């Protein structure tokens, strides 16, 4: 079980990406084991490329008899992964997720760290993070809030 999850997490960095990939993997395996020729998957080229990138021995771990149990166990394991909530002003693409996710895994020293990306349009030029229940705003918004009185005084000098 751990080996299956580690293979999936090797190039999967966000919670939404992980859930999406598990969904397409399960659909693909169910089609392989139980589906007919007429059943089609709603997968993008990117999804299909990811499925093809998985090692051949990875697929050998699944059988008709264990597929449902493996995915149930994976769902339980996912809820216990170390998660870093990251508030951004934009939806990161796969390249950005790879870059940020790689740095986060090295920085926090968790090879299975997963990012829970959330959108916050109120942030200015930066990100906010939640790690183990502690929220820290690293955006310009936090800096402006901390020095709000100084900034207002500075403007008042020029408005007189």
Foldseek 3Di string as FASTA:
>chain_A
DVVLLLLLLVQAAAPVSSVVLLVQVLVVVCCVQPNDPPDDDPDDPVSVVVVVPRDPVSSVVDDPVCSVVVSVVVVVVSVVAFEKEKEDQDDDDSVVSRVVRVVVCVVVVPSNYHYHYDYDNPFAQAMWIAGPRDIDRPGVVVVCVVCVVVVVVVVVVVVD
